[in-house]
């Protein structure tokens, strides 16, 4: 599903940004968008957060798929 792929890509981007913050103390999104409190940065953070929430549904859908396979 297209939405799943978009959500996964955004979640990976968010994870890489958090990794750069943790390792290098460097926020890539804030650097690109003019600071962590700029409107664009906040929109990106929100969209990535929503993508992470969407990815929670992937966990449960994957479990249902595995359960269906085991039943056959």
PDB file of N, CA and C in Angstrom:
ATOM      1  N   UNK A   1       0.843  -1.175   0.000  1.00  0.00           N
ATOM      2  CA  UNK A   1       0.000   0.000   0.000  1.00  0.00           C
ATOM      3  C   UNK A   1       0.893   1.244   0.000  1.00  0.00           C
ATOM      4  N   UNK A   2       0.518   2.213  -0.774  1.00  0.00           N
ATOM      5  CA  UNK A   2       1.334   3.424  -0.924  1.00  0.00           C
ATOM      6  C   UNK A   2       1.499   4.173   0.394  1.00  0.00           C
ATOM      7  N   UNK A   3       0.421   4.286   1.136  1.00  0.00           N
ATOM      8  CA  UNK A   3       0.483   5.014   2.410  1.00  0.00           C
ATOM      9  C   UNK A   3       1.462   4.349   3.379  1.00  0.00           C
ATOM     10  N   UNK A   4       1.516   3.025   3.378  1.00  0.00           N
ATOM     11  CA  UNK A   4       2.453   2.308   4.235  1.00  0.00           C
ATOM     12  C   UNK A   4       3.898   2.650   3.877  1.00  0.00           C
ATOM     13  N   UNK A   5       4.192   2.673   2.591  1.00  0.00           N
ATOM     14  CA  UNK A   5       5.559   2.985   2.150  1.00  0.00           C
ATOM     15  C   UNK A   5       5.952   4.418   2.494  1.00  0.00           C
ATOM     16  N   UNK A   6       5.027   5.343   2.292  1.00  0.00           N
ATOM     17  CA  UNK A   6       5.306   6.740   2.630  1.00  0.00           C
ATOM     18  C   UNK A   6       5.558   6.874   4.124  1.00  0.00           C
ATOM     19  N   UNK A   7       4.720   6.217   4.921  1.00  0.00           N
ATOM     20  CA  UNK A   7       4.881   6.281   6.376  1.00  0.00           C
ATOM     21  C   UNK A   7       6.218   5.673   6.804  1.00  0.00           C
ATOM     22  N   UNK A   8       6.597   4.562   6.203  1.00  0.00           N
ATOM     23  CA  UNK A   8       7.883   3.944   6.547  1.00  0.00           C
ATOM     24  C   UNK A   8       9.058   4.836   6.166  1.00  0.00           C
ATOM     25  N   UNK A   9       8.992   5.456   4.999  1.00  0.00           N
ATOM     26  CA  UNK A   9      10.072   6.356   4.574  1.00  0.00           C
ATOM     27  C   UNK A   9      10.189   7.531   5.534  1.00  0.00           C
ATOM     28  N   UNK A  10       9.052   8.137   5.883  1.00  0.00           N
ATOM     29  CA  UNK A  10       9.083   9.270   6.815  1.00  0.00           C
ATOM     30  C   UNK A  10       9.586   8.856   8.192  1.00  0.00           C
ATOM     31  N   UNK A  11       9.217   7.666   8.627  1.00  0.00           N
ATOM     32  CA  UNK A  11       9.682   7.178   9.924  1.00  0.00           C
ATOM     33  C   UNK A  11      11.191   6.945   9.907  1.00  0.00           C
ATOM     34  N   UNK A  12      11.705   6.424   8.815  1.00  0.00           N
ATOM     35  CA  UNK A  12      13.157   6.230   8.692  1.00  0.00           C
ATOM     36  C   UNK A  12      13.870   7.579   8.685  1.00  0.00           C
ATOM     37  N   UNK A  13      13.309   8.547   7.958  1.00  0.00           N
ATOM     38  CA  UNK A  13      13.899   9.894   7.949  1.00  0.00           C
ATOM     39  C   UNK A  13      13.941  10.461   9.368  1.00  0.00           C
ATOM     40  N   UNK A  14      12.837  10.290  10.098  1.00  0.00           N
ATOM     41  CA  UNK A  14      12.798  10.757  11.483  1.00  0.00           C
ATOM     42  C   UNK A  14      13.818  10.041  12.359  1.00  0.00           C
ATOM     43  N   UNK A  15      13.959   8.748  12.150  1.00  0.00           N
ATOM     44  CA  UNK A  15      14.937   7.985  12.931  1.00  0.00           C
ATOM     45  C   UNK A  15      16.364   8.441  12.631  1.00  0.00           C
ATOM     46  N   UNK A  16      16.642   8.704  11.362  1.00  0.00           N
ATOM     47  CA  UNK A  16      17.977   9.194  11.008  1.00  0.00           C
ATOM     48  C   UNK A  16      18.230  10.570  11.619  1.00  0.00           C
ATOM     49  N   UNK A  17      17.213  11.410  11.631  1.00  0.00           N
ATOM     50  CA  UNK A  17      17.367  12.730  12.253  1.00  0.00           C
ATOM     51  C   UNK A  17      17.641  12.577  13.745  1.00  0.00           C
ATOM     52  N   UNK A  18      16.868  11.710  14.420  1.00  0.00           N
ATOM     53  CA  UNK A  18      17.108  11.493  15.849  1.00  0.00           C
ATOM     54  C   UNK A  18      18.495  10.897  16.095  1.00  0.00           C
ATOM     55  N   UNK A  19      18.938  10.027  15.192  1.00  0.00           N
ATOM     56  CA  UNK A  19      20.291   9.474  15.318  1.00  0.00           C
ATOM     57  C   UNK A  19      21.353  10.550  15.206  1.00  0.00           C
ATOM     58  N   UNK A  20      21.154  11.483  14.281  1.00  0.00           N
ATOM     59  CA  UNK A  20      22.129  12.571  14.144  1.00  0.00           C
ATOM     60  C   UNK A  20      22.102  13.496  15.361  1.00  0.00           C
ATOM     61  N   UNK A  21      20.933  13.656  15.968  1.00  0.00           N
ATOM     62  CA  UNK A  21      20.863  14.455  17.196  1.00  0.00           C
ATOM     63  C   UNK A  21      21.596  13.740  18.324  1.00  0.00           C
ATOM     64  N   UNK A  22      21.353  12.450  18.452  1.00  0.00           N
ATOM     65  CA  UNK A  22      21.977  11.688  19.535  1.00  0.00           C
ATOM     66  C   UNK A  22      23.480  11.554  19.396  1.00  0.00           C
ATOM     67  N   UNK A  23      23.953  11.311  18.190  1.00  0.00           N
ATOM     68  CA  UNK A  23      25.385  11.076  17.982  1.00  0.00           C
ATOM     69  C   UNK A  23      26.162  12.373  17.813  1.00  0.00           C
ATOM     70  N   UNK A  24      25.624  13.277  17.007  1.00  0.00           N
ATOM     71  CA  UNK A  24      26.372  14.481  16.648  1.00  0.00           C
ATOM     72  C   UNK A  24      25.819  15.769  17.257  1.00  0.00           C
ATOM     73  N   UNK A  25      24.704  15.669  17.974  1.00  0.00           N
ATOM     74  CA  UNK A  25      24.017  16.839  18.516  1.00  0.00           C
ATOM     75  C   UNK A  25      23.691  17.832  17.395  1.00  0.00           C
ATOM     76  N   UNK A  26      23.209  17.265  16.279  1.00  0.00           N
ATOM     77  CA  UNK A  26      22.921  18.065  15.096  1.00  0.00           C
ATOM     78  C   UNK A  26      21.541  17.691  14.557  1.00  0.00           C
ATOM     79  N   UNK A  27      20.614  18.630  14.555  1.00  0.00           N
ATOM     80  CA  UNK A  27      19.249  18.416  14.074  1.00  0.00           C
ATOM     81  C   UNK A  27      19.188  18.819  12.605  1.00  0.00           C
ATOM     82  N   UNK A  28      19.130  17.826  11.729  1.00  0.00           N
ATOM     83  CA  UNK A  28      19.147  18.081  10.294  1.00  0.00           C
ATOM     84  C   UNK A  28      17.924  18.878   9.853  1.00  0.00           C
ATOM     85  N   UNK A  29      16.748  18.513  10.377  1.00  0.00           N
ATOM     86  CA  UNK A  29      15.516  19.208   9.990  1.00  0.00           C
ATOM     87  C   UNK A  29      15.592  20.679  10.385  1.00  0.00           C
ATOM     88  N   UNK A  30      16.015  20.942  11.601  1.00  0.00           N
ATOM     89  CA  UNK A  30      16.127  22.329  12.064  1.00  0.00           C
ATOM     90  C   UNK A  30      17.150  23.091  11.224  1.00  0.00           C
ATOM     91  N   UNK A  31      18.240  22.454  10.876  1.00  0.00           N
ATOM     92  CA  UNK A  31      19.281  23.087  10.081  1.00  0.00           C
ATOM     93  C   UNK A  31      18.753  23.459   8.690  1.00  0.00           C
ATOM     94  N   UNK A  32      18.003  22.539   8.073  1.00  0.00           N
ATOM     95  CA  UNK A  32      17.474  22.791   6.737  1.00  0.00           C
ATOM     96  C   UNK A  32      16.378  23.858   6.762  1.00  0.00           C
ATOM     97  N   UNK A  33      15.549  23.836   7.817  1.00  0.00           N
ATOM     98  CA  UNK A  33      14.336  24.662   7.833  1.00  0.00           C
ATOM     99  C   UNK A  33      14.457  25.947   8.638  1.00  0.00           C
ATOM    100  N   UNK A  34      15.609  26.245   9.184  1.00  0.00           N
ATOM    101  CA  UNK A  34      15.787  27.523   9.869  1.00  0.00           C
ATOM    102  C   UNK A  34      15.533  27.512  11.356  1.00  0.00           C
ATOM    103  N   UNK A  35      15.692  26.392  11.993  1.00  0.00           N
ATOM    104  CA  UNK A  35      15.528  26.319  13.444  1.00  0.00           C
ATOM    105  C   UNK A  35      14.428  25.350  13.847  1.00  0.00           C
ATOM    106  N   UNK A  36      14.534  24.832  15.068  1.00  0.00           N
ATOM    107  CA  UNK A  36      13.573  23.817  15.510  1.00  0.00           C
ATOM    108  C   UNK A  36      12.160  24.338  15.722  1.00  0.00           C
ATOM    109  N   UNK A  37      11.988  25.635  15.902  1.00  0.00           N
ATOM    110  CA  UNK A  37      10.657  26.182  16.143  1.00  0.00           C
ATOM    111  C   UNK A  37      10.069  26.882  14.922  1.00  0.00           C
ATOM    112  N   UNK A  38      10.744  26.775  13.773  1.00  0.00           N
ATOM    113  CA  UNK A  38      10.172  27.371  12.564  1.00  0.00           C
ATOM    114  C   UNK A  38       8.925  26.590  12.170  1.00  0.00           C
ATOM    115  N   UNK A  39       8.045  27.223  11.452  1.00  0.00           N
ATOM    116  CA  UNK A  39       6.784  26.592  11.054  1.00  0.00           C
ATOM    117  C   UNK A  39       7.049  25.345  10.213  1.00  0.00           C
ATOM    118  N   UNK A  40       7.988  25.434   9.287  1.00  0.00           N
ATOM    119  CA  UNK A  40       8.289  24.299   8.414  1.00  0.00           C
ATOM    120  C   UNK A  40       8.838  23.131   9.227  1.00  0.00           C
ATOM    121  N   UNK A  41       9.741  23.399  10.160  1.00  0.00           N
ATOM    122  CA  UNK A  41      10.282  22.338  11.007  1.00  0.00           C
ATOM    123  C   UNK A  41       9.180  21.662  11.805  1.00  0.00           C
ATOM    124  N   UNK A  42       8.312  22.449  12.383  1.00  0.00           N
ATOM    125  CA  UNK A  42       7.234  21.888  13.191  1.00  0.00           C
ATOM    126  C   UNK A  42       6.283  21.055  12.344  1.00  0.00           C
ATOM    127  N   UNK A  43       6.043  21.477  11.107  1.00  0.00           N
ATOM    128  CA  UNK A  43       5.203  20.677  10.210  1.00  0.00           C
ATOM    129  C   UNK A  43       5.878  19.346   9.905  1.00  0.00           C
ATOM    130  N   UNK A  44       7.168  19.385   9.613  1.00  0.00           N
ATOM    131  CA  UNK A  44       7.906  18.151   9.327  1.00  0.00           C
ATOM    132  C   UNK A  44       7.899  17.232  10.539  1.00  0.00           C
ATOM    133  N   UNK A  45       8.170  17.766  11.728  1.00  0.00           N
ATOM    134  CA  UNK A  45       8.143  16.950  12.937  1.00  0.00           C
ATOM    135  C   UNK A  45       6.769  16.318  13.135  1.00  0.00           C
ATOM    136  N   UNK A  46       5.709  17.078  12.873  1.00  0.00           N
ATOM    137  CA  UNK A  46       4.346  16.567  13.040  1.00  0.00           C
ATOM    138  C   UNK A  46       4.033  15.467  12.034  1.00  0.00           C
ATOM    139  N   UNK A  47       4.418  15.672  10.783  1.00  0.00           N
ATOM    140  CA  UNK A  47       4.158  14.667   9.748  1.00  0.00           C
ATOM    141  C   UNK A  47       4.935  13.379  10.045  1.00  0.00           C
ATOM    142  N   UNK A  48       6.167  13.505  10.486  1.00  0.00           N
ATOM    143  CA  UNK A  48       6.961  12.322  10.839  1.00  0.00           C
ATOM    144  C   UNK A  48       6.338  11.606  12.039  1.00  0.00           C
ATOM    145  N   UNK A  49       5.858  12.368  13.008  1.00  0.00           N
ATOM    146  CA  UNK A  49       5.188  11.768  14.157  1.00  0.00           C
ATOM    147  C   UNK A  49       3.928  11.024  13.755  1.00  0.00           C
ATOM    148  N   UNK A  50       3.140  11.608  12.859  1.00  0.00           N
ATOM    149  CA  UNK A  50       1.938  10.938  12.367  1.00  0.00           C
ATOM    150  C   UNK A  50       2.290   9.677  11.583  1.00  0.00           C
ATOM    151  N   UNK A  51       3.393   9.730  10.849  1.00  0.00           N
ATOM    152  CA  UNK A  51       3.851   8.540  10.122  1.00  0.00           C
ATOM    153  C   UNK A  51       4.227   7.429  11.098  1.00  0.00           C
ATOM    154  N   UNK A  52       4.858   7.806  12.203  1.00  0.00           N
ATOM    155  CA  UNK A  52       5.185   6.810  13.224  1.00  0.00           C
ATOM    156  C   UNK A  52       3.948   6.171  13.813  1.00  0.00           C
ATOM    157  N   UNK A  53       2.917   6.974  14.037  1.00  0.00           N
ATOM    158  CA  UNK A  53       1.654   6.434  14.549  1.00  0.00           C
ATOM    159  C   UNK A  53       1.033   5.496  13.517  1.00  0.00           C
ATOM    160  N   UNK A  54       1.087   5.882  12.245  1.00  0.00           N
ATOM    161  CA  UNK A  54       0.565   5.017  11.188  1.00  0.00           C
ATOM    162  C   UNK A  54       1.309   3.681  11.174  1.00  0.00           C
ATOM    163  N   UNK A  55       2.624   3.725  11.405  1.00  0.00           N
ATOM    164  CA  UNK A  55       3.427   2.500  11.372  1.00  0.00           C
ATOM    165  C   UNK A  55       3.066   1.539  12.507  1.00  0.00           C
ATOM    166  N   UNK A  56       2.472   2.033  13.565  1.00  0.00           N
ATOM    167  CA  UNK A  56       1.994   1.140  14.622  1.00  0.00           C
ATOM    168  C   UNK A  56       0.970   0.174  14.039  1.00  0.00           C
ATOM    169  N   UNK A  57       0.143   0.656  13.125  1.00  0.00           N
ATOM    170  CA  UNK A  57      -0.853  -0.223  12.506  1.00  0.00           C
ATOM    171  C   UNK A  57      -0.187  -1.331  11.697  1.00  0.00           C
ATOM    172  N   UNK A  58       0.998  -1.073  11.168  1.00  0.00           N
ATOM    173  CA  UNK A  58       1.710  -2.107  10.407  1.00  0.00           C
ATOM    174  C   UNK A  58       2.063  -3.296  11.288  1.00  0.00           C
ATOM    175  N   UNK A  59       2.375  -3.034  12.535  1.00  0.00           N
ATOM    176  CA  UNK A  59       2.714  -4.105  13.466  1.00  0.00           C
ATOM    177  C   UNK A  59       1.540  -5.058  13.612  1.00  0.00           C
ATOM    178  N   UNK A  60       0.350  -4.502  13.811  1.00  0.00           N
ATOM    179  CA  UNK A  60      -0.819  -5.334  14.022  1.00  0.00           C
ATOM    180  C   UNK A  60      -1.269  -6.014  12.734  1.00  0.00           C
ATOM    181  N   UNK A  61      -1.132  -5.338  11.614  1.00  0.00           N
ATOM    182  CA  UNK A  61      -1.490  -5.971  10.346  1.00  0.00           C
ATOM    183  C   UNK A  61      -0.536  -7.102  10.014  1.00  0.00           C
ATOM    184  N   UNK A  62       0.742  -6.937  10.339  1.00  0.00           N
ATOM    185  CA  UNK A  62       1.716  -8.003  10.108  1.00  0.00           C
ATOM    186  C   UNK A  62       1.380  -9.215  10.977  1.00  0.00           C
ATOM    187  N   UNK A  63       0.982  -8.969  12.208  1.00  0.00           N
ATOM    188  CA  UNK A  63       0.627 -10.063  13.106  1.00  0.00           C
ATOM    189  C   UNK A  63      -0.575 -10.825  12.562  1.00  0.00           C
ATOM    190  N   UNK A  64      -1.575 -10.104  12.055  1.00  0.00           N
ATOM    191  CA  UNK A  64      -2.755 -10.748  11.489  1.00  0.00           C
ATOM    192  C   UNK A  64      -2.389 -11.584  10.266  1.00  0.00           C
ATOM    193  N   UNK A  65      -1.451 -11.097   9.460  1.00  0.00           N
ATOM    194  CA  UNK A  65      -1.012 -11.841   8.287  1.00  0.00           C
ATOM    195  C   UNK A  65      -0.309 -13.122   8.691  1.00  0.00           C
ATOM    196  N   UNK A  66       0.553 -13.045   9.696  1.00  0.00           N
ATOM    197  CA  UNK A  66       1.257 -14.225  10.164  1.00  0.00           C
ATOM    198  C   UNK A  66       0.290 -15.224  10.788  1.00  0.00           C
ATOM    199  N   UNK A  67      -0.685 -14.744  11.523  1.00  0.00           N
ATOM    200  CA  UNK A  67      -1.689 -15.629  12.114  1.00  0.00           C
ATOM    201  C   UNK A  67      -2.480 -16.354  11.039  1.00  0.00           C
ATOM    202  N   UNK A  68      -2.826 -15.640   9.956  1.00  0.00           N
ATOM    203  CA  UNK A  68      -3.561 -16.258   8.854  1.00  0.00           C
ATOM    204  C   UNK A  68      -2.714 -17.321   8.166  1.00  0.00           C
ATOM    205  N   UNK A  69      -1.432 -17.066   8.032  1.00  0.00           N
ATOM    206  CA  UNK A  69      -0.540 -18.052   7.388  1.00  0.00           C
ATOM    207  C   UNK A  69      -0.427 -19.288   8.271  1.00  0.00           C
ATOM    208  N   UNK A  70      -0.294 -19.100   9.577  1.00  0.00           N
ATOM    209  CA  UNK A  70      -0.158 -20.238  10.483  1.00  0.00           C
ATOM    210  C   UNK A  70      -1.413 -21.094  10.514  1.00  0.00           C
ATOM    211  N   UNK A  71      -2.576 -20.491  10.307  1.00  0.00           N
ATOM    212  CA  UNK A  71      -3.825 -21.236  10.329  1.00  0.00           C
ATOM    213  C   UNK A  71      -3.956 -22.139   9.116  1.00  0.00           C
ATOM    214  N   UNK A  72      -3.279 -21.792   8.022  1.00  0.00           N
ATOM    215  CA  UNK A  72      -3.374 -22.609   6.798  1.00  0.00           C
ATOM    216  C   UNK A  72      -2.414 -23.710   6.833  1.00  0.00           C
TER     217      UNK A  72
END
